[in-house]
PDB file of N, CA and C in Angstrom:
ATOM      1  N   MET A   1     113.510   4.091  32.077  1.00  0.00           N
ATOM      2  CA  MET A   1     113.318   3.195  31.832  1.00  0.00           C
ATOM      3  C   MET A   1     112.010   3.388  30.859  1.00  0.00           C
ATOM      4  N   LYS A   2     110.984   4.332  31.321  1.00  0.00           N
ATOM      5  CA  LYS A   2     109.306   4.117  31.211  1.00  0.00           C
ATOM      6  C   LYS A   2     109.407   5.224  29.797  1.00  0.00           C
ATOM      7  N   THR A   3     110.648   6.327  29.987  1.00  0.00           N
ATOM      8  CA  THR A   3     110.978   6.312  28.297  1.00  0.00           C
ATOM      9  C   THR A   3     111.194   5.909  27.355  1.00  0.00           C
ATOM     10  N   ASP A   4     112.231   4.743  27.714  1.00  0.00           N
ATOM     11  CA  ASP A   4     112.778   3.735  26.655  1.00  0.00           C
ATOM     12  C   ASP A   4     111.587   2.423  26.014  1.00  0.00           C
ATOM     13  N   MET A   5     110.565   2.377  27.009  1.00  0.00           N
ATOM     14  CA  MET A   5     109.505   1.827  26.880  1.00  0.00           C
ATOM     15  C   MET A   5     109.325   2.156  25.813  1.00  0.00           C
ATOM     16  N   LYS A   6     108.567   3.779  26.072  1.00  0.00           N
ATOM     17  CA  LYS A   6     107.461   4.661  25.248  1.00  0.00           C
ATOM     18  C   LYS A   6     107.991   4.966  23.368  1.00  0.00           C
ATOM     19  N   THR A   7     109.308   5.227  23.717  1.00  0.00           N
ATOM     20  CA  THR A   7     110.678   5.131  22.682  1.00  0.00           C
ATOM     21  C   THR A   7     110.701   4.285  21.810  1.00  0.00           C
ATOM     22  N   ASN A   8     110.665   2.989  22.156  1.00  0.00           N
ATOM     23  CA  ASN A   8     110.276   1.095  21.292  1.00  0.00           C
ATOM     24  C   ASN A   8     108.964   1.092  20.583  1.00  0.00           C
ATOM     25  N   TYR A   9     108.009   1.184  22.026  1.00  0.00           N
ATOM     26  CA  TYR A   9     106.629   1.103  21.340  1.00  0.00           C
ATOM     27  C   TYR A   9     106.813   2.210  20.005  1.00  0.00           C
ATOM     28  N   HIS A  10     106.940   3.643  19.999  1.00  0.00           N
ATOM     29  CA  HIS A  10     106.479   4.357  18.716  1.00  0.00           C
ATOM     30  C   HIS A  10     107.574   3.914  17.762  1.00  0.00           C
ATOM     31  N   GLY A  11     108.616   3.595  17.775  1.00  0.00           N
ATOM     32  CA  GLY A  11     109.752   3.207  17.265  1.00  0.00           C
ATOM     33  C   GLY A  11     109.278   1.747  16.364  1.00  0.00           C
ATOM     34  N   ASN A  12     108.137   1.344  16.872  1.00  0.00           N
ATOM     35  CA  ASN A  12     108.024  -0.001  16.787  1.00  0.00           C
ATOM     36  C   ASN A  12     106.237   0.423  15.865  1.00  0.00           C
ATOM     37  N   GLN A  13     105.671   0.962  15.775  1.00  0.00           N
ATOM     38  CA  GLN A  13     104.905   1.470  16.005  1.00  0.00           C
ATOM     39  C   GLN A  13     105.129   2.076  14.378  1.00  0.00           C
ATOM     40  N   SER A  14     105.264   3.335  14.250  1.00  0.00           N
ATOM     41  CA  SER A  14     106.200   3.521  13.100  1.00  0.00           C
ATOM     42  C   SER A  14     106.750   2.290  12.436  1.00  0.00           C
ATOM     43  N   SER A  15     108.050   1.771  12.675  1.00  0.00           N
ATOM     44  CA  SER A  15     108.198   0.741  11.621  1.00  0.00           C
ATOM     45  C   SER A  15     106.755  -0.468  10.853  1.00  0.00           C
ATOM     46  N   LEU A  16     106.355  -0.627  11.942  1.00  0.00           N
ATOM     47  CA  LEU A  16     104.798  -1.160  11.079  1.00  0.00           C
ATOM     48  C   LEU A  16     104.634  -0.615  10.117  1.00  0.00           C
ATOM     49  N   LEU A  17     104.246   0.662  10.751  1.00  0.00           N
ATOM     50  CA  LEU A  17     103.624   1.673   9.339  1.00  0.00           C
ATOM     51  C   LEU A  17     104.177   1.710   8.175  1.00  0.00           C
ATOM     52  N   SER A  18     105.596   1.813   8.366  1.00  0.00           N
ATOM     53  CA  SER A  18     106.318   1.935   6.725  1.00  0.00           C
ATOM     54  C   SER A  18     106.394   0.724   6.209  1.00  0.00           C
ATOM     55  N   GLN A  19     106.357  -0.665   7.215  1.00  0.00           N
ATOM     56  CA  GLN A  19     106.076  -1.946   5.848  1.00  0.00           C
ATOM     57  C   GLN A  19     104.915  -1.930   5.192  1.00  0.00           C
ATOM     58  N   ALA A  20     103.661  -1.716   6.322  1.00  0.00           N
ATOM     59  CA  ALA A  20     102.642  -1.226   5.330  1.00  0.00           C
ATOM     60  C   ALA A  20     102.438  -0.306   4.552  1.00  0.00           C
ATOM     61  N   ILE A  21     102.525   0.800   4.453  1.00  0.00           N
ATOM     62  CA  ILE A  21     102.968   1.830   2.925  1.00  0.00           C
ATOM     63  C   ILE A  21     103.631   1.497   1.831  1.00  0.00           C
ATOM     64  N   TYR A  22     105.033   0.688   2.633  1.00  0.00           N
ATOM     65  CA  TYR A  22     105.316  -0.036   1.399  1.00  0.00           C
ATOM     66  C   TYR A  22     104.794  -1.298   0.817  1.00  0.00           C
ATOM     67  N   LEU A  23     103.807  -2.517   2.075  1.00  0.00           N
ATOM     68  CA  LEU A  23     102.983  -3.692   0.954  1.00  0.00           C
ATOM     69  C   LEU A  23     102.133  -2.266   0.230  1.00  0.00           C
ATOM     70  N   ILE A  24     101.143  -1.397   0.035  1.00  0.00           N
ATOM     71  CA  ILE A  24      99.959  -0.782  -0.025  1.00  0.00           C
ATOM     72  C   ILE A  24     100.812  -0.492  -1.482  1.00  0.00           C
ATOM     73  N   GLU A  25     101.743   0.552  -0.907  1.00  0.00           N
ATOM     74  CA  GLU A  25     102.133   1.173  -2.139  1.00  0.00           C
ATOM     75  C   GLU A  25     102.876   0.320  -3.648  1.00  0.00           C
ATOM     76  N   GLN A  26     103.150  -1.470  -3.250  1.00  0.00           N
ATOM     77  CA  GLN A  26     103.414  -2.170  -4.183  1.00  0.00           C
ATOM     78  C   GLN A  26     102.444  -3.421  -4.241  1.00  0.00           C
ATOM     79  N   GLY A  27     101.173  -2.711  -4.176  1.00  0.00           N
ATOM     80  CA  GLY A  27     100.243  -3.727  -4.405  1.00  0.00           C
ATOM     81  C   GLY A  27      99.627  -4.834  -3.624  1.00  0.00           C
ATOM     82  N   GLN A  28     100.422  -4.995  -2.247  1.00  0.00           N
ATOM     83  CA  GLN A  28      99.874  -6.444  -1.631  1.00  0.00           C
ATOM     84  C   GLN A  28      99.408  -5.848  -0.668  1.00  0.00           C
ATOM     85  N   ASP A  29      99.155  -6.750   0.028  1.00  0.00           N
ATOM     86  CA  ASP A  29      98.181  -7.096   1.365  1.00  0.00           C
ATOM     87  C   ASP A  29      98.815  -6.611   2.690  1.00  0.00           C
ATOM     88  N   CYS A  30      97.927  -6.075   3.141  1.00  0.00           N
ATOM     89  CA  CYS A  30      98.996  -5.192   4.282  1.00  0.00           C
ATOM     90  C   CYS A  30      98.218  -5.411   5.831  1.00  0.00           C
ATOM     91  N   GLY A  31      96.617  -6.325   5.504  1.00  0.00           N
ATOM     92  CA  GLY A  31      95.658  -6.364   6.703  1.00  0.00           C
ATOM     93  C   GLY A  31      96.164  -6.984   7.933  1.00  0.00           C
ATOM     94  N   THR A  32      97.650  -8.256   7.450  1.00  0.00           N
ATOM     95  CA  THR A  32      98.138  -8.345   9.016  1.00  0.00           C
ATOM     96  C   THR A  32      98.640  -7.456  10.586  1.00  0.00           C
ATOM     97  N   ILE A  33      99.607  -6.877   9.582  1.00  0.00           N
ATOM     98  CA  ILE A  33     100.554  -5.428   9.649  1.00  0.00           C
ATOM     99  C   ILE A  33      99.307  -4.440  10.087  1.00  0.00           C
ATOM    100  N   ALA A  34      98.257  -3.931   9.570  1.00  0.00           N
ATOM    101  CA  ALA A  34      97.878  -3.197   9.778  1.00  0.00           C
ATOM    102  C   ALA A  34      96.852  -3.545  11.075  1.00  0.00           C
ATOM    103  N   GLY A  35      96.612  -4.866  11.444  1.00  0.00           N
ATOM    104  CA  GLY A  35      95.618  -5.383  12.470  1.00  0.00           C
ATOM    105  C   GLY A  35      96.430  -4.897  14.202  1.00  0.00           C
ATOM    106  N   GLN A  36      98.005  -4.633  13.353  1.00  0.00           N
ATOM    107  CA  GLN A  36      99.227  -4.557  14.862  1.00  0.00           C
ATOM    108  C   GLN A  36      99.031  -3.076  15.239  1.00  0.00           C
ATOM    109  N   LEU A  37      98.565  -2.139  14.406  1.00  0.00           N
ATOM    110  CA  LEU A  37      98.978  -0.711  14.841  1.00  0.00           C
ATOM    111  C   LEU A  37      97.646  -0.215  16.056  1.00  0.00           C
ATOM    112  N   ASP A  38      98.489   0.464  16.506  1.00  0.00           N
ATOM    113  CA  ASP A  38      97.588   1.287  17.647  1.00  0.00           C
ATOM    114  C   ASP A  38      96.582   2.547  16.690  1.00  0.00           C
ATOM    115  N   PRO A  39      95.636   3.031  17.326  1.00  0.00           N
ATOM    116  CA  PRO A  39      94.258   3.280  16.508  1.00  0.00           C
ATOM    117  C   PRO A  39      95.367   4.720  15.843  1.00  0.00           C
ATOM    118  N   GLU A  40      95.939   5.346  16.700  1.00  0.00           N
ATOM    119  CA  GLU A  40      96.525   6.694  15.627  1.00  0.00           C
ATOM    120  C   GLU A  40      97.616   6.475  14.417  1.00  0.00           C
ATOM    121  N   TYR A  41      97.996   4.586  14.604  1.00  0.00           N
ATOM    122  CA  TYR A  41      98.820   4.813  13.307  1.00  0.00           C
ATOM    123  C   TYR A  41      98.055   4.541  12.163  1.00  0.00           C
ATOM    124  N   SER A  42      97.112   3.126  13.016  1.00  0.00           N
ATOM    125  CA  SER A  42      96.455   2.542  11.989  1.00  0.00           C
ATOM    126  C   SER A  42      95.681   4.262  11.161  1.00  0.00           C
ATOM    127  N   LEU A  43      94.892   5.171  11.598  1.00  0.00           N
ATOM    128  CA  LEU A  43      94.234   6.031  10.906  1.00  0.00           C
ATOM    129  C   LEU A  43      95.748   6.817  10.459  1.00  0.00           C
ATOM    130  N   ARG A  44      97.070   6.903  10.462  1.00  0.00           N
ATOM    131  CA  ARG A  44      97.654   7.508   9.764  1.00  0.00           C
ATOM    132  C   ARG A  44      97.717   6.618   7.847  1.00  0.00           C
ATOM    133  N   LEU A  45      97.703   5.522   8.462  1.00  0.00           N
ATOM    134  CA  LEU A  45      97.903   4.094   7.703  1.00  0.00           C
ATOM    135  C   LEU A  45      96.982   4.730   6.243  1.00  0.00           C
ATOM    136  N   ARG A  46      95.234   5.148   7.485  1.00  0.00           N
ATOM    137  CA  ARG A  46      94.389   4.905   6.390  1.00  0.00           C
ATOM    138  C   ARG A  46      94.383   6.215   5.347  1.00  0.00           C
ATOM    139  N   ILE A  47      94.970   7.355   5.801  1.00  0.00           N
ATOM    140  CA  ILE A  47      95.075   8.458   5.083  1.00  0.00           C
ATOM    141  C   ILE A  47      95.867   8.449   4.118  1.00  0.00           C
ATOM    142  N   HIS A  48      96.822   7.563   4.669  1.00  0.00           N
ATOM    143  CA  HIS A  48      97.889   7.308   2.983  1.00  0.00           C
ATOM    144  C   HIS A  48      97.679   6.790   2.727  1.00  0.00           C
ATOM    145  N   THR A  49      97.119   5.687   2.759  1.00  0.00           N
ATOM    146  CA  THR A  49      95.837   4.851   1.552  1.00  0.00           C
ATOM    147  C   THR A  49      95.145   5.928   0.662  1.00  0.00           C
ATOM    148  N   GLN A  50      94.269   6.855   1.183  1.00  0.00           N
ATOM    149  CA  GLN A  50      93.087   7.234   1.028  1.00  0.00           C
ATOM    150  C   GLN A  50      93.327   8.497  -0.161  1.00  0.00           C
ATOM    151  N   ILE A  51      95.205   8.931   0.273  1.00  0.00           N
ATOM    152  CA  ILE A  51      95.895  10.315  -1.011  1.00  0.00           C
ATOM    153  C   ILE A  51      96.630   9.575  -2.130  1.00  0.00           C
ATOM    154  N   LEU A  52      96.316   7.689  -2.075  1.00  0.00           N
ATOM    155  CA  LEU A  52      97.357   7.717  -3.291  1.00  0.00           C
ATOM    156  C   LEU A  52      96.604   7.895  -4.665  1.00  0.00           C
ATOM    157  N   PRO A  53      97.314   7.649  -5.954  1.00  0.00           N
ATOM    158  CA  PRO A  53      96.401   7.584  -6.788  1.00  0.00           C
ATOM    159  C   PRO A  53      95.766   6.019  -6.785  1.00  0.00           C
ATOM    160  N   ASP A  54      94.495   6.435  -7.686  1.00  0.00           N
ATOM    161  CA  ASP A  54      93.539   5.086  -7.976  1.00  0.00           C
ATOM    162  C   ASP A  54      94.113   3.722  -8.538  1.00  0.00           C
ATOM    163  N   GLU A  55      95.338   4.300  -9.112  1.00  0.00           N
ATOM    164  CA  GLU A  55      96.092   2.927 -10.373  1.00  0.00           C
ATOM    165  C   GLU A  55      96.840   2.003  -9.007  1.00  0.00           C
ATOM    166  N   ILE A  56      96.939   2.699  -7.789  1.00  0.00           N
ATOM    167  CA  ILE A  56      97.726   1.980  -6.443  1.00  0.00           C
ATOM    168  C   ILE A  56      96.862   2.160  -5.640  1.00  0.00           C
ATOM    169  N   ARG A  57      96.138   2.669  -5.344  1.00  0.00           N
ATOM    170  CA  ARG A  57      95.149   2.240  -4.502  1.00  0.00           C
ATOM    171  C   ARG A  57      94.860   1.107  -4.358  1.00  0.00           C
ATOM    172  N   THR A  58      93.944   1.024  -5.459  1.00  0.00           N
ATOM    173  CA  THR A  58      92.948   0.435  -5.683  1.00  0.00           C
ATOM    174  C   THR A  58      93.590  -1.320  -6.178  1.00  0.00           C
ATOM    175  N   LEU A  59      94.780  -1.336  -6.272  1.00  0.00           N
ATOM    176  CA  LEU A  59      96.078  -2.595  -6.080  1.00  0.00           C
ATOM    177  C   LEU A  59      95.931  -3.744  -5.032  1.00  0.00           C
ATOM    178  N   SER A  60      95.844  -2.937  -3.918  1.00  0.00           N
ATOM    179  CA  SER A  60      95.894  -4.129  -2.831  1.00  0.00           C
ATOM    180  C   SER A  60      94.159  -4.018  -1.553  1.00  0.00           C
ATOM    181  N   LEU A  61      93.797  -5.050  -1.232  1.00  0.00           N
ATOM    182  CA  LEU A  61      92.159  -5.482  -0.938  1.00  0.00           C
ATOM    183  C   LEU A  61      92.721  -4.081   0.487  1.00  0.00           C
ATOM    184  N   TYR A  62      93.366  -3.804   1.228  1.00  0.00           N
ATOM    185  CA  TYR A  62      93.491  -2.707   1.838  1.00  0.00           C
ATOM    186  C   TYR A  62      93.190  -1.168   1.366  1.00  0.00           C
ATOM    187  N   GLY A  63      93.660  -0.591  -0.062  1.00  0.00           N
ATOM    188  CA  GLY A  63      93.151   0.335  -0.271  1.00  0.00           C
ATOM    189  C   GLY A  63      92.105   0.322  -0.620  1.00  0.00           C
ATOM    190  N   ARG A  64      91.954  -0.837  -1.507  1.00  0.00           N
ATOM    191  CA  ARG A  64      89.935  -0.590  -2.059  1.00  0.00           C
ATOM    192  C   ARG A  64      89.546  -1.007  -1.179  1.00  0.00           C
ATOM    193  N   ALA A  65      89.560  -1.212  -0.288  1.00  0.00           N
ATOM    194  CA  ALA A  65      88.667  -1.412   1.475  1.00  0.00           C
ATOM    195  C   ALA A  65      88.064   0.167   2.019  1.00  0.00           C
ATOM    196  N   HIS A  66      89.206   0.998   1.643  1.00  0.00           N
ATOM    197  CA  HIS A  66      89.690   2.503   1.757  1.00  0.00           C
ATOM    198  C   HIS A  66      89.559   3.266   1.408  1.00  0.00           C
ATOM    199  N   PRO A  67      88.695   3.248   0.588  1.00  0.00           N
ATOM    200  CA  PRO A  67      88.494   4.435  -0.813  1.00  0.00           C
ATOM    201  C   PRO A  67      88.437   5.889   0.428  1.00  0.00           C
ATOM    202  N   PRO A  68      88.765   6.505  -0.312  1.00  0.00           N
ATOM    203  CA  PRO A  68      89.018   8.424  -0.257  1.00  0.00           C
ATOM    204  C   PRO A  68      87.557   9.352   0.240  1.00  0.00           C
ATOM    205  N   ALA A  69      87.412   9.596   1.211  1.00  0.00           N
ATOM    206  CA  ALA A  69      86.696  10.113   1.751  1.00  0.00           C
ATOM    207  C   ALA A  69      85.501  11.000   0.739  1.00  0.00           C
ATOM    208  N   TYR A  70      86.468  11.533  -0.210  1.00  0.00           N
ATOM    209  CA  TYR A  70      86.324  12.486  -0.732  1.00  0.00           C
ATOM    210  C   TYR A  70      86.337  12.809  -2.421  1.00  0.00           C
ATOM    211  N   GLN A  71      85.301  12.066  -2.900  1.00  0.00           N
ATOM    212  CA  GLN A  71      85.780  12.057  -4.575  1.00  0.00           C
ATOM    213  C   GLN A  71      85.482  13.158  -5.133  1.00  0.00           C
ATOM    214  N   LYS A  72      86.052  13.676  -6.443  1.00  0.00           N
ATOM    215  CA  LYS A  72      86.119  14.171  -7.361  1.00  0.00           C
ATOM    216  C   LYS A  72      84.618  14.614  -8.011  1.00  0.00           C
ATOM    217  N   LYS A  73      84.221  15.831  -7.760  1.00  0.00           N
ATOM    218  CA  LYS A  73      83.337  16.291  -9.049  1.00  0.00           C
ATOM    219  C   LYS A  73      83.246  15.557 -10.722  1.00  0.00           C
ATOM    220  N   ARG A  74      82.600  14.819 -11.008  1.00  0.00           N
ATOM    221  CA  ARG A  74      82.874  15.011 -12.561  1.00  0.00           C
ATOM    222  C   ARG A  74      81.736  15.966 -13.365  1.00  0.00           C
ATOM    223  N   LYS A  75      82.666  16.159 -14.315  1.00  0.00           N
ATOM    224  CA  LYS A  75      81.609  17.885 -15.213  1.00  0.00           C
ATOM    225  C   LYS A  75      81.219  17.021 -16.660  1.00  0.00           C
TER     226      LYS A  75
END
């Protein structure tokens, strides 16, 4: 029983993460979905958002709020 609950919980979190990633890649806001993620999956979303190209990342409010931690040096 506990295994089923745990599997269902992680399946739900994984599904929410996939939905949020899809929305970000479409340039739409995913704040409501991101708020439902637990800390581990929220971090996964943030990392995924940070590695997106700027052209895609900056289309969504969530993407603009979570810029990459590392900025390339300009020559």
